[in-house]
Amino acid sequence: MRAKRVLQPLVLVLALALFAAACGGSDEPEASSATETASSESTTTETETETASEVSDDICVEGDTVKLGFLNSTSGVMAISEQTVRDSLTLAAEEINADGGILGKQIEVIEEDGQSEPTIFAEKINKLLTEDEVAAVFGGWTSASRKAMLPVVEGANGLLFYPVQYEGLEASPNIYYTGATTNQQIIPAMDFLASEGVETLFLAGSDYVFPRTANKIIKQYAEELGIEIVGEEYVPLSSDDWTTQVAKIAEAQPDFVFNTINGSSNVGFIKAYDEAGLGPDNSPIISVSIAEEEAPSMGVDLTGQYASWNYFQSVQSDTNSTFIEAFQAKYGDRPTSDPMQAAYVGLYLYRNIVEKAESFCVEAVNAASDGVTFDAPEGLVTIDGSNHHIAKTGVIGQINADNQFDIVWTSGEPIEPDPFLEDYAWWDPNS
């Protein structure tokens, strides 16, 4: 067996501290060890610059199988979204095993439930890395869960493949971000709104790090675009009572509502929005966490509303058709969505990196990652080895009567990841 990782107690304490900071509702996200040390030019460490051949003699995994951890919330307020990620990861693992596995080794999955609680995510990833000795972990959804896991995975020198869009301003040599960063989802959404002639915007979000940081970016870019922010409201992730906040939206009468609410709290928001007489004809919504899986669960007809992602089931390609057919053959007539697709892509990218490196060792994987590609359902994706994000095409969809999304705007080509917004002169992280 490969050498067992030992996690010092201080690391777990730091994880719990990060959880408290992430859920505190501050406008300023707490800096992680990754964001404090990441260079604006590159986040590559000295060990990452080793060539794969220098470290591939020890592949770090012995035997006929490789253990991988799946860490998703199958209970709690995030289960409505995270169960879909777990299902797509399972599909990818089965496909890869049927195709010969990874470096000839069959994937052995060890699953844990994050229970929609960042502290549980920190505990479970610690278990997966130090007790179960998995080669990599796949999962997480909220930024609070990711920030709780980050010091643990760094302290254990493990790997986490995180599949969901997030607020950016982070990079870690131990995390691969296969969902969108801000310049691949939030900024394209704002570009779309500007192209539609939007003049006023209301911000509605869950009260934790992703919505508050995303809205800080939105406010600065809105000023650049000449769009007025006429309101900003937050409700705790665990709450579904949006009555008071939606009344403020109705009073403000914005051209659009920018929705950064996560999980089942969206149901309460959409219900209150509908009961207030709001709809796509008077104050339409653009969301970044409602996708094909969530739309039918809202209890309200969402026809005419919008979402910004990098993938919709309606993407026209042979690769996407194959993915949809495989998913529905396994799980029935269920829709596919961006986060589940990004999770599916993450496992395939891991396989491709490992096979390029000819090793499961973290240092070898990181050394081999730059430029690794996968022909994904969303289109060709490529890893940027300097920040562990991937190039992704931005797309805006409008919900139709079948709870599918008609694509109404696209960036046209993959957007290179810029998690620290270095190429955007209007962005001031200290503002």
Protein backbone atom coordinates (compact mmCIF):
# COMPACT_ATOMS: atom_id res chain seq x y z
CA MET A 1 0.00 0.00 0.00
CA ARG A 2 1.10 3.57 -0.57
CA ALA A 3 2.29 5.57 2.43
CA LYS A 4 -0.59 6.58 4.70
CA ARG A 5 -1.28 10.31 4.95
CA VAL A 6 -1.27 11.77 8.47
CA LEU A 7 -3.36 14.89 9.08
CA GLN A 8 -2.26 17.10 11.97
CA PRO A 9 -5.05 18.25 14.35
CA LEU A 10 -4.24 21.89 13.57
CA VAL A 11 -5.35 21.39 9.98
CA LEU A 12 -8.79 20.17 11.01
CA VAL A 13 -9.11 23.10 13.43
CA LEU A 14 -8.33 25.43 10.54
CA ALA A 15 -11.01 23.73 8.46
CA LEU A 16 -13.62 24.35 11.12
CA ALA A 17 -12.50 27.96 11.43
CA LEU A 18 -12.90 28.41 7.68
CA PHE A 19 -16.39 26.98 7.91
CA ALA A 20 -17.35 29.57 10.50
CA ALA A 21 -15.89 32.35 8.34
CA ALA A 22 -17.60 31.12 5.18
CA CYS A 23 -21.03 31.06 6.81
CA GLY A 24 -20.65 34.32 8.72
CA GLY A 25 -22.36 36.47 6.11
CA SER A 26 -19.51 38.95 5.73
CA ASP A 27 -19.16 40.83 2.49
CA GLU A 28 -15.46 39.97 2.55
CA PRO A 29 -14.62 36.27 1.98
CA GLU A 30 -11.96 34.97 4.33
CA ALA A 31 -8.67 34.33 2.56
CA SER A 32 -7.73 30.66 2.46
CA SER A 33 -4.20 29.42 2.54
CA ALA A 34 -4.56 28.98 -1.20
CA THR A 35 -5.63 32.52 -1.96
CA GLU A 36 -3.01 34.02 0.32
CA THR A 37 -0.16 32.20 -1.37
CA ALA A 38 -1.38 32.00 -4.95
CA SER A 39 0.69 34.13 -7.28
CA SER A 40 -1.12 36.40 -9.72
CA GLU A 41 0.99 34.84 -12.45
CA SER A 42 0.78 31.19 -11.43
CA THR A 43 -0.18 28.91 -8.57
CA THR A 44 2.27 26.20 -9.59
CA THR A 45 4.41 24.99 -6.71
CA GLU A 46 7.98 23.72 -6.89
CA THR A 47 6.80 20.12 -6.68
CA GLU A 48 4.40 20.70 -9.56
CA THR A 49 7.28 21.71 -11.83
CA GLU A 50 8.81 18.27 -11.58
CA THR A 51 8.24 16.26 -14.71
CA ALA A 52 5.88 13.33 -14.46
CA SER A 53 8.71 10.96 -15.37
CA GLU A 54 10.72 12.03 -12.31
CA VAL A 55 8.07 10.80 -9.90
CA SER A 56 6.22 8.11 -11.83
CA ASP A 57 8.39 5.21 -10.64
CA ASP A 58 6.15 5.10 -7.56
CA ILE A 59 2.58 5.20 -8.82
CA CYS A 60 1.28 5.53 -5.22
CA VAL A 61 -1.43 2.88 -5.69
CA GLU A 62 -0.80 -0.85 -5.55
CA GLY A 63 -3.07 -3.74 -6.47
CA ASP A 64 -5.77 -4.11 -9.07
CA THR A 65 -8.00 -1.28 -7.86
CA VAL A 66 -7.75 2.44 -7.13
CA LYS A 67 -9.92 3.85 -4.36
CA LEU A 68 -11.71 7.12 -5.11
CA GLY A 69 -13.93 9.06 -2.71
CA PHE A 70 -17.34 10.47 -3.66
CA LEU A 71 -18.38 13.13 -1.14
CA ASN A 72 -21.84 14.58 -1.83
CA SER A 73 -24.83 15.67 0.24
CA THR A 74 -27.46 12.99 -0.09
CA SER A 75 -29.28 14.46 2.91
CA GLY A 76 -30.04 17.99 4.10
CA VAL A 77 -30.97 21.16 2.21
CA MET A 78 -28.44 20.59 -0.60
CA ALA A 79 -29.54 17.05 -1.43
CA ILE A 80 -31.95 18.38 -4.08
CA SER A 81 -28.89 19.37 -6.11
CA GLU A 82 -26.02 17.17 -4.94
CA GLN A 83 -27.73 13.83 -5.51
CA THR A 84 -27.51 14.54 -9.25
CA VAL A 85 -23.74 15.02 -8.96
CA ARG A 86 -23.38 11.74 -7.10
CA ASP A 87 -25.35 9.95 -9.84
CA SER A 88 -23.23 11.32 -12.68
CA LEU A 89 -20.01 10.41 -10.85
CA THR A 90 -21.30 6.86 -10.47
CA LEU A 91 -22.06 6.73 -14.21
CA ALA A 92 -18.56 7.96 -15.09
CA ALA A 93 -16.92 5.41 -12.78
CA GLU A 94 -18.90 2.57 -14.33
CA GLU A 95 -18.02 3.71 -17.85
CA ILE A 96 -14.33 4.06 -17.04
CA ASN A 97 -14.25 0.63 -15.40
CA ALA A 98 -15.94 -0.91 -18.43
CA ASP A 99 -13.25 0.74 -20.58
CA GLY A 100 -10.39 -0.82 -18.60
CA GLY A 101 -10.20 1.47 -15.58
CA ILE A 102 -7.38 3.92 -14.87
CA LEU A 103 -3.89 2.65 -15.66
CA GLY A 104 -5.47 -0.78 -15.80
CA LYS A 105 -6.90 -0.47 -12.28
CA GLN A 106 -10.62 -0.72 -11.58
CA ILE A 107 -12.17 2.15 -9.64
CA GLU A 108 -13.36 1.22 -6.15
CA VAL A 109 -15.74 3.93 -4.94
CA ILE A 110 -16.02 4.89 -1.27
CA GLU A 111 -19.02 7.16 -0.69
CA GLU A 112 -19.68 9.61 2.11
CA ASP A 113 -22.61 11.96 2.79
CA GLY A 114 -21.64 15.59 3.45
CA GLN A 115 -25.10 16.11 5.00
CA SER A 116 -25.22 19.70 3.65
CA GLU A 117 -22.93 20.78 6.53
CA PRO A 118 -19.42 22.20 5.89
CA THR A 119 -18.08 20.75 9.15
CA ILE A 120 -19.22 17.29 8.04
CA PHE A 121 -17.51 17.79 4.68
CA ALA A 122 -14.25 18.56 6.52
CA GLU A 123 -14.61 15.46 8.70
CA LYS A 124 -15.54 13.17 5.80
CA ILE A 125 -12.76 14.28 3.46
CA ASN A 126 -10.31 13.78 6.32
CA LYS A 127 -11.61 10.22 6.71
CA LEU A 128 -11.47 9.51 3.00
CA LEU A 129 -7.89 10.76 2.64
CA THR A 130 -6.32 9.51 5.87
CA GLU A 131 -8.27 6.39 6.81
CA ASP A 132 -9.59 5.11 3.49
CA GLU A 133 -6.47 6.32 1.65
CA VAL A 134 -8.34 7.29 -1.52
CA ALA A 135 -6.27 8.61 -4.41
CA ALA A 136 -8.67 11.53 -5.00
CA VAL A 137 -12.02 12.89 -3.79
CA PHE A 138 -14.85 14.13 -6.01
CA GLY A 139 -17.62 16.33 -4.66
CA GLY A 140 -18.75 19.33 -2.66
CA TRP A 141 -21.20 21.99 -3.80
CA THR A 142 -21.41 25.11 -1.65
CA SER A 143 -18.36 27.33 -1.29
CA ALA A 144 -18.67 26.90 2.46
CA SER A 145 -18.17 23.15 2.01
CA ARG A 146 -15.21 23.70 -0.32
CA LYS A 147 -13.53 26.18 2.02
CA ALA A 148 -13.99 23.74 4.90
CA MET A 149 -12.36 20.96 2.85
CA LEU A 150 -9.53 23.07 1.42
CA PRO A 151 -7.14 23.09 4.43
CA VAL A 152 -7.83 19.41 5.02
CA VAL A 153 -6.99 18.34 1.48
CA GLU A 154 -3.93 20.60 1.44
CA GLY A 155 -2.76 19.32 4.84
CA ALA A 156 -3.11 15.72 3.71
CA ASN A 157 -1.60 16.48 0.26
CA GLY A 158 -4.63 14.93 -1.38
CA LEU A 159 -6.70 15.83 -4.43
CA LEU A 160 -10.23 17.23 -4.63
CA PHE A 161 -12.18 17.62 -7.87
CA TYR A 162 -14.83 20.29 -7.20
CA PRO A 163 -17.66 20.34 -9.79
CA VAL A 164 -19.71 23.47 -9.19
CA GLN A 165 -19.55 27.08 -10.33
CA TYR A 166 -18.18 29.33 -7.61
CA GLU A 167 -17.09 32.88 -6.75
CA GLY A 168 -13.45 32.58 -7.85
CA LEU A 169 -10.60 34.33 -6.02
CA GLU A 170 -9.05 30.98 -5.15
CA ALA A 171 -6.59 28.43 -6.50
CA SER A 172 -4.98 25.46 -4.81
CA PRO A 173 -2.46 22.84 -5.97
CA ASN A 174 -4.71 20.24 -4.31
CA ILE A 175 -8.04 21.23 -5.92
CA TYR A 176 -9.22 20.99 -9.53
CA TYR A 177 -12.19 23.28 -10.29
CA THR A 178 -14.29 21.77 -13.10
CA GLY A 179 -17.24 24.16 -12.65
CA ALA A 180 -17.12 27.77 -13.78
CA THR A 181 -15.18 30.51 -12.10
CA THR A 182 -16.63 34.04 -12.07
CA ASN A 183 -15.43 35.17 -15.50
CA GLN A 184 -17.05 32.10 -17.07
CA GLN A 185 -20.55 32.46 -15.57
CA ILE A 186 -21.23 35.68 -13.62
CA ILE A 187 -19.54 38.04 -16.07
CA PRO A 188 -21.16 36.41 -19.14
CA ALA A 189 -24.53 36.77 -17.40
CA MET A 190 -23.90 40.48 -16.90
CA ASP A 191 -22.78 40.85 -20.53
CA PHE A 192 -26.05 39.23 -21.59
CA LEU A 193 -28.11 41.58 -19.40
CA ALA A 194 -26.29 44.59 -20.81
CA SER A 195 -26.98 43.35 -24.34
CA GLU A 196 -30.69 43.15 -23.42
CA GLY A 197 -30.71 46.80 -22.36
CA VAL A 198 -31.13 46.10 -18.64
CA GLU A 199 -30.82 49.30 -16.58
CA THR A 200 -31.81 48.18 -13.07
CA LEU A 201 -30.93 44.99 -11.21
CA PHE A 202 -31.92 43.48 -7.85
CA LEU A 203 -29.58 40.96 -6.14
CA ALA A 204 -31.05 38.02 -4.18
CA GLY A 205 -28.75 35.46 -2.59
CA SER A 206 -28.21 32.91 0.14
CA ASP A 207 -26.27 34.31 3.06
CA TYR A 208 -22.85 32.73 2.68
CA VAL A 209 -19.60 33.24 0.82
CA PHE A 210 -20.53 32.49 -2.82
CA PRO A 211 -23.51 34.86 -3.18
CA ARG A 212 -21.88 37.68 -1.21
CA THR A 213 -18.62 37.48 -3.15
CA ALA A 214 -20.41 37.04 -6.48
CA ASN A 215 -22.57 40.07 -5.73
CA LYS A 216 -19.51 42.14 -4.82
CA ILE A 217 -18.19 41.36 -8.31
CA ILE A 218 -21.60 41.98 -9.90
CA LYS A 219 -21.86 45.42 -8.27
CA GLN A 220 -18.46 46.52 -9.57
CA TYR A 221 -19.15 45.25 -13.08
CA ALA A 222 -22.65 46.75 -13.02
CA GLU A 223 -21.11 50.16 -12.37
CA GLU A 224 -18.79 49.61 -15.34
CA LEU A 225 -21.80 48.67 -17.52
CA GLY A 226 -24.01 51.50 -16.29
CA ILE A 227 -26.52 49.16 -14.59
CA GLU A 228 -28.04 50.41 -11.31
CA ILE A 229 -28.32 47.99 -8.37
CA VAL A 230 -31.69 48.81 -6.77
CA GLY A 231 -31.63 46.27 -3.95
CA GLU A 232 -29.64 43.46 -2.34
CA GLU A 233 -31.15 40.86 -0.01
CA TYR A 234 -29.93 37.63 1.63
CA VAL A 235 -31.58 34.76 3.51
CA PRO A 236 -29.72 31.94 5.35
CA LEU A 237 -29.11 28.83 3.26
CA SER A 238 -31.25 26.80 5.66
CA SER A 239 -34.27 29.14 5.36
CA ASP A 240 -37.03 29.14 2.75
CA ASP A 241 -38.91 32.25 3.92
CA TRP A 242 -38.39 34.99 1.34
CA THR A 243 -41.65 36.89 1.90
CA THR A 244 -40.15 40.11 3.27
CA GLN A 245 -37.29 40.21 0.78
CA VAL A 246 -39.51 39.55 -2.24
CA ALA A 247 -41.81 42.38 -1.14
CA LYS A 248 -38.79 44.67 -1.53
CA ILE A 249 -38.23 43.33 -5.04
CA ALA A 250 -41.85 44.03 -5.94
CA GLU A 251 -41.49 47.57 -4.62
CA ALA A 252 -38.23 48.22 -6.49
CA GLN A 253 -39.61 46.89 -9.82
CA PRO A 254 -36.17 46.01 -11.27
CA ASP A 255 -35.63 45.16 -14.91
CA PHE A 256 -34.08 41.86 -13.76
CA VAL A 257 -33.39 39.88 -10.57
CA PHE A 258 -29.96 38.25 -10.31
CA ASN A 259 -30.47 35.07 -8.27
CA THR A 260 -27.49 33.56 -6.41
CA ILE A 261 -29.65 31.47 -4.04
CA ASN A 262 -28.57 27.85 -3.55
CA GLY A 263 -30.33 24.60 -2.71
CA SER A 264 -33.94 24.15 -1.59
CA SER A 265 -34.11 27.80 -0.44
CA ASN A 266 -34.84 28.53 -4.11
CA VAL A 267 -38.25 26.88 -3.66
CA GLY A 268 -39.26 29.41 -1.00
CA PHE A 269 -37.92 32.28 -3.07
CA ILE A 270 -39.76 31.27 -6.24
CA LYS A 271 -43.00 30.68 -4.29
CA ALA A 272 -42.84 34.13 -2.65
CA TYR A 273 -41.89 35.71 -5.99
CA ASP A 274 -44.93 34.13 -7.68
CA GLU A 275 -47.30 35.05 -4.84
CA ALA A 276 -46.13 38.68 -5.09
CA GLY A 277 -47.34 38.78 -8.69
CA LEU A 278 -43.83 38.80 -10.15
CA GLY A 279 -42.93 36.93 -13.32
CA PRO A 280 -40.80 36.96 -16.46
CA ASP A 281 -42.95 39.73 -17.96
CA ASN A 282 -42.31 42.31 -15.22
CA SER A 283 -39.19 41.30 -13.20
CA PRO A 284 -37.51 38.29 -14.86
CA ILE A 285 -34.90 36.25 -13.01
CA ILE A 286 -31.47 35.12 -14.14
CA SER A 287 -30.17 32.31 -11.91
CA VAL A 288 -26.81 30.64 -11.49
CA SER A 289 -27.95 27.67 -9.39
CA ILE A 290 -31.27 26.62 -10.95
CA ALA A 291 -30.77 24.07 -13.71
CA GLU A 292 -32.81 21.36 -15.44
CA GLU A 293 -32.97 19.18 -12.34
CA GLU A 294 -34.15 21.96 -10.01
CA ALA A 295 -36.62 23.75 -12.32
CA PRO A 296 -39.46 21.18 -12.06
CA SER A 297 -39.07 21.15 -8.25
CA MET A 298 -39.89 24.83 -7.78
CA GLY A 299 -43.66 24.31 -7.72
CA VAL A 300 -44.15 27.26 -10.09
CA ASP A 301 -44.07 27.46 -13.88
CA LEU A 302 -40.67 29.00 -14.67
CA THR A 303 -41.24 29.39 -18.40
CA GLY A 304 -39.49 32.53 -19.60
CA GLN A 305 -36.94 32.74 -16.79
CA TYR A 306 -33.18 32.59 -17.44
CA ALA A 307 -30.05 30.87 -16.19
CA SER A 308 -26.34 31.26 -16.83
CA TRP A 309 -24.26 28.09 -17.07
CA ASN A 310 -21.68 26.41 -19.32
CA TYR A 311 -23.85 23.44 -20.24
CA PHE A 312 -27.51 22.74 -20.90
CA GLN A 313 -29.12 19.47 -21.88
CA SER A 314 -30.16 21.24 -25.07
CA VAL A 315 -26.52 21.57 -26.27
CA GLN A 316 -26.40 20.04 -29.74
CA SER A 317 -23.50 17.61 -30.18
CA ASP A 318 -22.93 13.89 -30.65
CA THR A 319 -20.96 13.79 -27.39
CA ASN A 320 -23.82 15.33 -25.45
CA SER A 321 -26.37 12.99 -27.06
CA THR A 322 -24.26 10.01 -25.99
CA PHE A 323 -24.00 11.37 -22.44
CA ILE A 324 -27.75 11.97 -22.16
CA GLU A 325 -28.57 8.51 -23.51
CA ALA A 326 -26.18 6.84 -21.06
CA PHE A 327 -27.48 8.84 -18.09
CA GLN A 328 -31.12 8.19 -18.87
CA ALA A 329 -30.48 4.51 -19.60
CA LYS A 330 -29.17 4.19 -16.05
CA TYR A 331 -31.47 6.58 -14.16
CA GLY A 332 -34.62 6.84 -16.23
CA ASP A 333 -36.13 9.88 -17.91
CA ARG A 334 -34.29 12.46 -15.81
CA PRO A 335 -32.74 15.67 -17.13
CA THR A 336 -29.04 16.39 -17.23
CA SER A 337 -27.56 19.65 -15.93
CA ASP A 338 -24.35 21.67 -15.67
CA PRO A 339 -23.10 20.54 -12.21
CA MET A 340 -23.69 16.85 -12.92
CA GLN A 341 -21.95 17.22 -16.27
CA ALA A 342 -19.02 19.04 -14.64
CA ALA A 343 -18.68 16.23 -12.08
CA TYR A 344 -18.77 13.63 -14.88
CA VAL A 345 -16.10 15.62 -16.72
CA GLY A 346 -13.97 15.82 -13.56
CA LEU A 347 -13.63 12.07 -13.24
CA TYR A 348 -12.69 11.70 -16.90
CA LEU A 349 -10.17 14.52 -16.64
CA TYR A 350 -8.64 12.77 -13.62
CA ARG A 351 -8.31 9.58 -15.63
CA ASN A 352 -6.69 11.45 -18.52
CA ILE A 353 -4.21 13.25 -16.26
CA VAL A 354 -3.23 10.06 -14.42
CA GLU A 355 -2.71 8.19 -17.66
CA LYS A 356 -0.61 11.04 -19.02
CA ALA A 357 1.43 11.06 -15.79
CA GLU A 358 1.54 7.25 -15.62
CA SER A 359 1.10 7.75 -11.89
CA PHE A 360 -1.51 8.40 -9.19
CA CYS A 361 0.99 10.40 -7.10
CA VAL A 362 -0.22 13.94 -6.45
CA GLU A 363 3.03 15.58 -7.57
CA ALA A 364 3.03 13.59 -10.81
CA VAL A 365 -0.64 14.34 -11.48
CA ASN A 366 -0.09 18.08 -11.00
CA ALA A 367 3.03 18.05 -13.17
CA ALA A 368 1.09 16.40 -16.01
CA SER A 369 -2.18 18.37 -15.75
CA ASP A 370 -1.51 21.40 -17.94
CA GLY A 371 -3.16 21.12 -21.34
CA VAL A 372 -5.02 17.88 -20.60
CA THR A 373 -8.31 17.85 -22.50
CA PHE A 374 -11.59 15.96 -22.59
CA ASP A 375 -14.28 15.99 -25.25
CA ALA A 376 -17.05 16.81 -22.80
CA PRO A 377 -20.82 17.07 -23.31
CA GLU A 378 -20.41 20.86 -22.98
CA GLY A 379 -17.63 20.86 -25.60
CA LEU A 380 -13.88 20.47 -25.50
CA VAL A 381 -12.45 21.45 -22.09
CA THR A 382 -8.77 22.05 -21.30
CA ILE A 383 -7.02 22.24 -17.94
CA ASP A 384 -4.94 25.30 -17.10
CA GLY A 385 -2.16 23.77 -15.01
CA SER A 386 -1.26 27.11 -13.44
CA ASN A 387 -4.58 27.48 -11.59
CA HIS A 388 -6.31 24.06 -11.96
CA HIS A 389 -9.40 25.52 -13.63
CA ILE A 390 -10.65 24.62 -17.10
CA ALA A 391 -11.57 26.66 -20.17
CA LYS A 392 -15.37 26.69 -20.60
CA THR A 393 -17.89 28.27 -22.99
CA GLY A 394 -20.46 30.59 -21.39
CA VAL A 395 -24.12 30.03 -22.31
CA ILE A 396 -27.40 31.70 -21.28
CA GLY A 397 -30.60 29.68 -21.46
CA GLN A 398 -34.28 30.60 -21.21
CA ILE A 399 -36.60 28.05 -19.62
CA ASN A 400 -39.31 26.65 -21.88
CA ALA A 401 -42.56 24.86 -21.02
CA ASP A 402 -40.73 21.51 -20.80
CA ASN A 403 -38.34 22.82 -18.12
CA GLN A 404 -35.54 22.70 -20.66
CA PHE A 405 -33.43 25.69 -21.64
CA ASP A 406 -33.42 27.30 -25.06
CA ILE A 407 -29.94 28.76 -25.58
CA VAL A 408 -30.31 32.50 -26.25
CA TRP A 409 -26.69 33.68 -25.83
CA THR A 410 -23.26 32.11 -26.00
CA SER A 411 -19.68 33.32 -25.67
CA GLY A 412 -18.98 31.43 -28.89
CA GLU A 413 -15.75 29.84 -27.72
CA PRO A 414 -14.23 28.60 -24.47
CA ILE A 415 -13.37 31.35 -21.98
CA GLU A 416 -9.96 30.95 -20.37
CA PRO A 417 -10.28 30.77 -16.57
CA ASP A 418 -9.31 33.93 -14.71
CA PRO A 419 -10.20 33.14 -11.08
CA PHE A 420 -8.54 36.28 -9.69
CA LEU A 421 -10.01 38.57 -12.41
CA GLU A 422 -6.55 39.83 -13.30
CA ASP A 423 -7.62 40.78 -16.82
CA TYR A 424 -10.53 42.97 -15.69
CA ALA A 425 -9.40 46.56 -15.01
CA TRP A 426 -12.67 47.45 -13.23
CA TRP A 427 -12.18 44.79 -10.52
CA ASP A 428 -10.87 46.01 -7.17
CA PRO A 429 -10.69 43.18 -4.57
CA ASN A 430 -10.16 45.75 -1.81
CA SER A 431 -13.21 47.87 -2.66
